[in-house]
């Protein structure tokens, strides 16, 4: 492990963030079913599980090359993209305090990412 964040590892972390967002969108869509049994048979549930599995293998590759103290905080960007996805796809409301929190997360991730460069 080199301890630095290469462009390829940064891209792989980005992929993990997007896969996590896709998984959560799929699970949210499936959760709109009226019962657990109905949610389990929805294709969105199974697509979400596939995203989870793919992300798991990509994340293991990230951890093989990037220190956990750098990689894991960068995954906090998933909170940002999930908030944006919720607002865009499900029309969820994002108030000013929520948006400020998202900006603070982004600032923190930027600081951590700059540490690993």
N, C-alpha and C. Protein backbone atom coordinates (compact mmCIF):
# COMPACT_ATOMS: atom_id res chain seq x y z
N UNK A 1 0.84 -1.17 0.00
CA UNK A 1 0.00 0.00 0.00
C UNK A 1 0.89 1.23 0.00
N UNK A 2 0.65 2.12 -0.96
CA UNK A 2 1.50 3.29 -1.10
C UNK A 2 1.12 4.41 -0.16
N UNK A 3 -0.15 4.47 0.26
CA UNK A 3 -0.58 5.54 1.15
C UNK A 3 -1.01 6.79 0.40
N UNK A 4 -0.87 6.78 -0.93
CA UNK A 4 -1.30 7.94 -1.70
C UNK A 4 -2.53 7.59 -2.51
N UNK A 5 -3.21 8.62 -2.91
CA UNK A 5 -4.45 8.46 -3.66
C UNK A 5 -4.15 8.70 -5.14
N UNK A 6 -4.07 7.63 -5.91
CA UNK A 6 -3.80 7.78 -7.34
C UNK A 6 -5.10 8.09 -8.07
N UNK A 7 -4.97 8.51 -9.30
CA UNK A 7 -6.14 8.83 -10.11
C UNK A 7 -7.03 7.60 -10.31
N UNK A 8 -6.41 6.44 -10.51
CA UNK A 8 -7.22 5.23 -10.70
C UNK A 8 -7.96 4.84 -9.42
N UNK A 9 -7.33 5.03 -8.26
CA UNK A 9 -8.01 4.72 -7.01
C UNK A 9 -9.11 5.75 -6.72
N UNK A 10 -8.86 6.99 -7.07
CA UNK A 10 -9.88 8.02 -6.91
C UNK A 10 -11.10 7.69 -7.79
N UNK A 11 -10.84 7.22 -9.00
CA UNK A 11 -11.93 6.82 -9.90
C UNK A 11 -12.68 5.62 -9.34
N UNK A 12 -11.96 4.68 -8.75
CA UNK A 12 -12.62 3.50 -8.17
C UNK A 12 -13.46 3.89 -6.95
N UNK A 13 -12.98 4.83 -6.15
CA UNK A 13 -13.78 5.32 -5.02
C UNK A 13 -15.03 6.01 -5.57
N UNK A 14 -14.87 6.78 -6.63
CA UNK A 14 -16.03 7.42 -7.27
C UNK A 14 -17.04 6.39 -7.74
N UNK A 15 -16.55 5.30 -8.32
CA UNK A 15 -17.43 4.22 -8.74
C UNK A 15 -18.18 3.63 -7.54
N UNK A 16 -17.46 3.41 -6.44
CA UNK A 16 -18.10 2.88 -5.23
C UNK A 16 -19.19 3.82 -4.72
N UNK A 17 -18.93 5.11 -4.77
CA UNK A 17 -19.92 6.10 -4.33
C UNK A 17 -21.16 6.02 -5.22
N UNK A 18 -20.96 5.96 -6.52
CA UNK A 18 -22.10 5.88 -7.44
C UNK A 18 -22.86 4.57 -7.30
N UNK A 19 -22.13 3.47 -7.08
CA UNK A 19 -22.79 2.18 -6.88
C UNK A 19 -23.61 2.18 -5.59
N UNK A 20 -23.08 2.82 -4.56
CA UNK A 20 -23.84 2.92 -3.31
C UNK A 20 -25.10 3.76 -3.50
N UNK A 21 -24.98 4.84 -4.23
CA UNK A 21 -26.14 5.68 -4.51
C UNK A 21 -27.18 4.89 -5.31
N UNK A 22 -26.75 4.16 -6.33
CA UNK A 22 -27.66 3.36 -7.14
C UNK A 22 -28.36 2.30 -6.29
N UNK A 23 -27.60 1.68 -5.41
CA UNK A 23 -28.18 0.67 -4.51
C UNK A 23 -29.26 1.27 -3.63
N UNK A 24 -28.98 2.42 -3.05
CA UNK A 24 -29.96 3.04 -2.16
C UNK A 24 -31.20 3.51 -2.91
N UNK A 25 -31.02 3.99 -4.13
CA UNK A 25 -32.17 4.38 -4.95
C UNK A 25 -33.03 3.14 -5.26
N UNK A 26 -32.38 2.04 -5.60
CA UNK A 26 -33.13 0.80 -5.87
C UNK A 26 -33.88 0.34 -4.63
N UNK A 27 -33.22 0.36 -3.47
CA UNK A 27 -33.87 -0.08 -2.24
C UNK A 27 -35.03 0.84 -1.86
N UNK A 28 -34.86 2.14 -2.06
CA UNK A 28 -35.94 3.09 -1.77
C UNK A 28 -37.13 2.80 -2.68
N UNK A 29 -36.85 2.56 -3.95
CA UNK A 29 -37.92 2.24 -4.90
C UNK A 29 -38.64 0.97 -4.48
N UNK A 30 -37.90 -0.04 -4.08
CA UNK A 30 -38.51 -1.30 -3.66
C UNK A 30 -39.27 -1.15 -2.35
N UNK A 31 -38.81 -0.25 -1.49
CA UNK A 31 -39.46 -0.06 -0.19
C UNK A 31 -40.84 0.58 -0.32
N UNK A 32 -41.16 1.08 -1.49
CA UNK A 32 -42.49 1.65 -1.70
C UNK A 32 -43.57 0.58 -1.79
N UNK A 33 -43.18 -0.68 -1.76
CA UNK A 33 -44.17 -1.78 -1.75
C UNK A 33 -44.89 -1.76 -0.41
N UNK A 34 -46.10 -2.30 -0.39
CA UNK A 34 -46.88 -2.25 0.85
C UNK A 34 -46.45 -3.30 1.88
N UNK A 35 -45.83 -4.38 1.43
CA UNK A 35 -45.37 -5.40 2.37
C UNK A 35 -43.93 -5.81 2.05
N UNK A 36 -43.29 -6.42 3.02
CA UNK A 36 -41.93 -6.92 2.82
C UNK A 36 -41.89 -7.97 1.72
N UNK A 37 -42.88 -8.82 1.70
CA UNK A 37 -42.93 -9.87 0.67
C UNK A 37 -42.98 -9.25 -0.74
N UNK A 38 -43.79 -8.21 -0.89
CA UNK A 38 -43.87 -7.54 -2.20
C UNK A 38 -42.54 -6.86 -2.54
N UNK A 39 -41.88 -6.28 -1.54
CA UNK A 39 -40.59 -5.63 -1.79
C UNK A 39 -39.54 -6.64 -2.23
N UNK A 40 -39.58 -7.83 -1.65
CA UNK A 40 -38.57 -8.85 -1.98
C UNK A 40 -38.70 -9.38 -3.40
N UNK A 41 -39.87 -9.30 -3.98
CA UNK A 41 -40.03 -9.81 -5.35
C UNK A 41 -39.89 -8.71 -6.40
N UNK A 42 -39.73 -7.47 -5.96
CA UNK A 42 -39.54 -6.38 -6.93
C UNK A 42 -38.15 -6.47 -7.55
N UNK A 43 -38.04 -6.27 -8.84
CA UNK A 43 -36.72 -6.28 -9.49
C UNK A 43 -35.76 -5.25 -8.90
N UNK A 44 -36.29 -4.11 -8.44
CA UNK A 44 -35.43 -3.08 -7.87
C UNK A 44 -34.65 -3.60 -6.67
N UNK A 45 -35.26 -4.46 -5.89
CA UNK A 45 -34.55 -5.05 -4.74
C UNK A 45 -33.34 -5.84 -5.21
N UNK A 46 -33.52 -6.64 -6.21
CA UNK A 46 -32.45 -7.51 -6.68
C UNK A 46 -31.38 -6.74 -7.45
N UNK A 47 -31.78 -5.69 -8.16
CA UNK A 47 -30.79 -4.83 -8.81
C UNK A 47 -29.95 -4.14 -7.73
N UNK A 48 -30.61 -3.70 -6.64
CA UNK A 48 -29.88 -3.10 -5.52
C UNK A 48 -28.89 -4.06 -4.90
N UNK A 49 -29.25 -5.32 -4.79
CA UNK A 49 -28.34 -6.33 -4.24
C UNK A 49 -27.15 -6.53 -5.16
N UNK A 50 -27.39 -6.51 -6.47
CA UNK A 50 -26.28 -6.62 -7.43
C UNK A 50 -25.34 -5.43 -7.29
N UNK A 51 -25.89 -4.21 -7.17
CA UNK A 51 -25.04 -3.04 -6.95
C UNK A 51 -24.22 -3.19 -5.67
N UNK A 52 -24.83 -3.72 -4.62
CA UNK A 52 -24.13 -3.93 -3.36
C UNK A 52 -22.95 -4.88 -3.55
N UNK A 53 -23.17 -5.99 -4.27
CA UNK A 53 -22.10 -6.97 -4.49
C UNK A 53 -20.97 -6.39 -5.32
N UNK A 54 -21.31 -5.68 -6.38
CA UNK A 54 -20.28 -5.08 -7.23
C UNK A 54 -19.48 -4.05 -6.44
N UNK A 55 -20.18 -3.24 -5.65
CA UNK A 55 -19.50 -2.25 -4.82
C UNK A 55 -18.57 -2.93 -3.81
N UNK A 56 -19.00 -4.03 -3.25
CA UNK A 56 -18.17 -4.75 -2.28
C UNK A 56 -16.82 -5.13 -2.88
N UNK A 57 -16.83 -5.68 -4.08
CA UNK A 57 -15.57 -6.09 -4.72
C UNK A 57 -14.72 -4.88 -5.10
N UNK A 58 -15.36 -3.81 -5.58
CA UNK A 58 -14.62 -2.60 -5.92
C UNK A 58 -14.01 -1.98 -4.66
N UNK A 59 -14.75 -1.99 -3.56
CA UNK A 59 -14.26 -1.43 -2.30
C UNK A 59 -13.08 -2.23 -1.77
N UNK A 60 -13.12 -3.53 -1.92
CA UNK A 60 -11.98 -4.35 -1.50
C UNK A 60 -10.73 -3.99 -2.30
N UNK A 61 -10.88 -3.69 -3.58
CA UNK A 61 -9.73 -3.28 -4.39
C UNK A 61 -9.20 -1.93 -3.91
N UNK A 62 -10.11 -1.02 -3.54
CA UNK A 62 -9.68 0.28 -3.01
C UNK A 62 -8.87 0.06 -1.74
N UNK A 63 -9.40 -0.75 -0.83
CA UNK A 63 -8.73 -0.95 0.47
C UNK A 63 -7.39 -1.66 0.32
N UNK A 64 -7.21 -2.36 -0.77
CA UNK A 64 -5.93 -3.01 -1.03
C UNK A 64 -4.83 -1.98 -1.31
N UNK A 65 -5.21 -0.80 -1.80
CA UNK A 65 -4.22 0.19 -2.24
C UNK A 65 -4.24 1.51 -1.48
N UNK A 66 -5.34 1.82 -0.81
CA UNK A 66 -5.48 3.13 -0.16
C UNK A 66 -5.70 2.91 1.33
N UNK A 67 -5.03 3.69 2.18
CA UNK A 67 -5.25 3.55 3.62
C UNK A 67 -6.72 3.79 3.98
N UNK A 68 -7.21 3.03 4.91
CA UNK A 68 -8.59 3.15 5.35
C UNK A 68 -8.88 4.57 5.86
N UNK A 69 -7.89 5.19 6.48
CA UNK A 69 -8.09 6.54 7.03
C UNK A 69 -8.29 7.59 5.94
N UNK A 70 -7.98 7.27 4.71
CA UNK A 70 -8.23 8.17 3.58
C UNK A 70 -9.46 7.70 2.80
N UNK A 71 -9.53 6.41 2.51
CA UNK A 71 -10.61 5.89 1.67
C UNK A 71 -11.99 6.02 2.33
N UNK A 72 -12.08 5.65 3.60
CA UNK A 72 -13.40 5.63 4.24
C UNK A 72 -14.02 7.01 4.36
N UNK A 73 -13.27 8.03 4.80
CA UNK A 73 -13.90 9.36 4.84
C UNK A 73 -14.33 9.85 3.45
N UNK A 74 -13.61 9.45 2.41
CA UNK A 74 -14.01 9.86 1.06
C UNK A 74 -15.35 9.24 0.67
N UNK A 75 -15.65 8.08 1.22
CA UNK A 75 -16.94 7.45 0.94
C UNK A 75 -18.10 8.25 1.51
N UNK A 76 -17.79 9.21 2.40
CA UNK A 76 -18.84 10.07 2.93
C UNK A 76 -19.49 10.89 1.82
N UNK A 77 -18.82 11.02 0.68
CA UNK A 77 -19.44 11.70 -0.46
C UNK A 77 -20.70 10.97 -0.91
N UNK A 78 -20.84 9.71 -0.52
CA UNK A 78 -22.07 8.99 -0.87
C UNK A 78 -23.27 9.68 -0.22
N UNK A 79 -23.09 10.28 0.97
CA UNK A 79 -24.17 11.02 1.60
C UNK A 79 -24.62 12.17 0.71
N UNK A 80 -23.65 12.82 0.09
CA UNK A 80 -23.95 13.96 -0.77
C UNK A 80 -24.73 13.52 -2.00
N UNK A 81 -24.24 12.50 -2.70
CA UNK A 81 -24.91 12.08 -3.93
C UNK A 81 -26.27 11.43 -3.63
N UNK A 82 -26.41 10.81 -2.48
CA UNK A 82 -27.70 10.21 -2.12
C UNK A 82 -28.72 11.31 -1.82
N UNK A 83 -28.29 12.39 -1.17
CA UNK A 83 -29.20 13.52 -0.94
C UNK A 83 -29.65 14.12 -2.28
N UNK A 84 -28.71 14.30 -3.19
CA UNK A 84 -29.04 14.85 -4.51
C UNK A 84 -29.98 13.90 -5.26
N UNK A 85 -29.69 12.60 -5.20
CA UNK A 85 -30.55 11.61 -5.87
C UNK A 85 -31.95 11.62 -5.27
N UNK A 86 -32.04 11.70 -3.95
CA UNK A 86 -33.35 11.74 -3.30
C UNK A 86 -34.15 12.95 -3.74
N UNK A 87 -33.46 14.09 -3.85
CA UNK A 87 -34.15 15.31 -4.26
C UNK A 87 -34.57 15.23 -5.73
N UNK A 88 -33.71 14.71 -6.58
CA UNK A 88 -34.00 14.67 -8.03
C UNK A 88 -34.97 13.56 -8.41
N UNK A 89 -34.77 12.37 -7.86
CA UNK A 89 -35.56 11.22 -8.28
C UNK A 89 -36.87 11.10 -7.50
N UNK A 90 -36.80 11.29 -6.18
CA UNK A 90 -37.98 11.09 -5.34
C UNK A 90 -38.63 12.40 -4.89
N UNK A 91 -38.08 13.53 -5.37
CA UNK A 91 -38.60 14.86 -5.03
C UNK A 91 -38.63 15.11 -3.53
N UNK A 92 -37.61 14.58 -2.82
CA UNK A 92 -37.50 14.81 -1.38
C UNK A 92 -37.03 16.24 -1.13
N UNK A 93 -37.52 16.82 -0.07
CA UNK A 93 -37.19 18.21 0.27
C UNK A 93 -35.83 18.27 0.98
N UNK A 94 -35.00 19.22 0.57
CA UNK A 94 -33.72 19.47 1.22
C UNK A 94 -33.76 20.90 1.74
N UNK A 95 -33.81 21.05 3.07
CA UNK A 95 -33.87 22.39 3.64
C UNK A 95 -32.46 22.98 3.77
N UNK A 96 -32.38 24.21 4.22
CA UNK A 96 -31.11 24.92 4.30
C UNK A 96 -30.13 24.24 5.25
N UNK A 97 -30.60 23.77 6.39
CA UNK A 97 -29.72 23.10 7.35
C UNK A 97 -29.17 21.79 6.77
N UNK A 98 -30.01 21.07 6.06
CA UNK A 98 -29.59 19.83 5.41
C UNK A 98 -28.52 20.13 4.35
N UNK A 99 -28.77 21.15 3.54
CA UNK A 99 -27.81 21.54 2.51
C UNK A 99 -26.48 21.99 3.13
N UNK A 100 -26.54 22.69 4.24
CA UNK A 100 -25.31 23.12 4.93
C UNK A 100 -24.52 21.90 5.40
N UNK A 101 -25.22 20.90 5.92
CA UNK A 101 -24.55 19.67 6.34
C UNK A 101 -23.86 18.97 5.18
N UNK A 102 -24.53 18.94 4.04
CA UNK A 102 -23.95 18.33 2.85
C UNK A 102 -22.69 19.09 2.43
N UNK A 103 -22.74 20.42 2.50
CA UNK A 103 -21.55 21.22 2.15
C UNK A 103 -20.40 20.97 3.13
N UNK A 104 -20.71 20.81 4.41
CA UNK A 104 -19.67 20.53 5.40
C UNK A 104 -19.04 19.15 5.16
N UNK A 105 -19.85 18.18 4.80
CA UNK A 105 -19.33 16.86 4.47
C UNK A 105 -18.38 16.96 3.29
N UNK A 106 -18.80 17.70 2.28
CA UNK A 106 -17.97 17.88 1.08
C UNK A 106 -16.64 18.54 1.44
N UNK A 107 -16.69 19.56 2.29
CA UNK A 107 -15.47 20.24 2.72
C UNK A 107 -14.55 19.28 3.48
N UNK A 108 -15.11 18.47 4.35
CA UNK A 108 -14.31 17.50 5.09
C UNK A 108 -13.68 16.47 4.20
N UNK A 109 -14.43 15.98 3.23
CA UNK A 109 -13.90 14.99 2.29
C UNK A 109 -12.78 15.61 1.47
N UNK A 110 -12.93 16.87 1.09
CA UNK A 110 -11.89 17.55 0.33
C UNK A 110 -10.60 17.62 1.14
N UNK A 111 -10.72 17.93 2.42
CA UNK A 111 -9.53 17.98 3.29
C UNK A 111 -8.86 16.60 3.40
N UNK A 112 -9.65 15.57 3.58
CA UNK A 112 -9.10 14.22 3.69
C UNK A 112 -8.45 13.80 2.37
N UNK A 113 -9.13 14.07 1.26
CA UNK A 113 -8.60 13.72 -0.04
C UNK A 113 -7.29 14.42 -0.34
N UNK A 114 -7.21 15.69 0.05
CA UNK A 114 -5.96 16.44 -0.17
C UNK A 114 -4.82 15.88 0.67
N UNK A 115 -5.15 15.30 1.81
CA UNK A 115 -4.13 14.67 2.66
C UNK A 115 -3.48 13.48 1.97
N UNK A 116 -4.30 12.75 1.20
CA UNK A 116 -3.79 11.53 0.57
C UNK A 116 -3.08 11.76 -0.76
N UNK A 117 -3.08 12.99 -1.26
CA UNK A 117 -2.45 13.25 -2.56
C UNK A 117 -0.96 13.41 -2.45
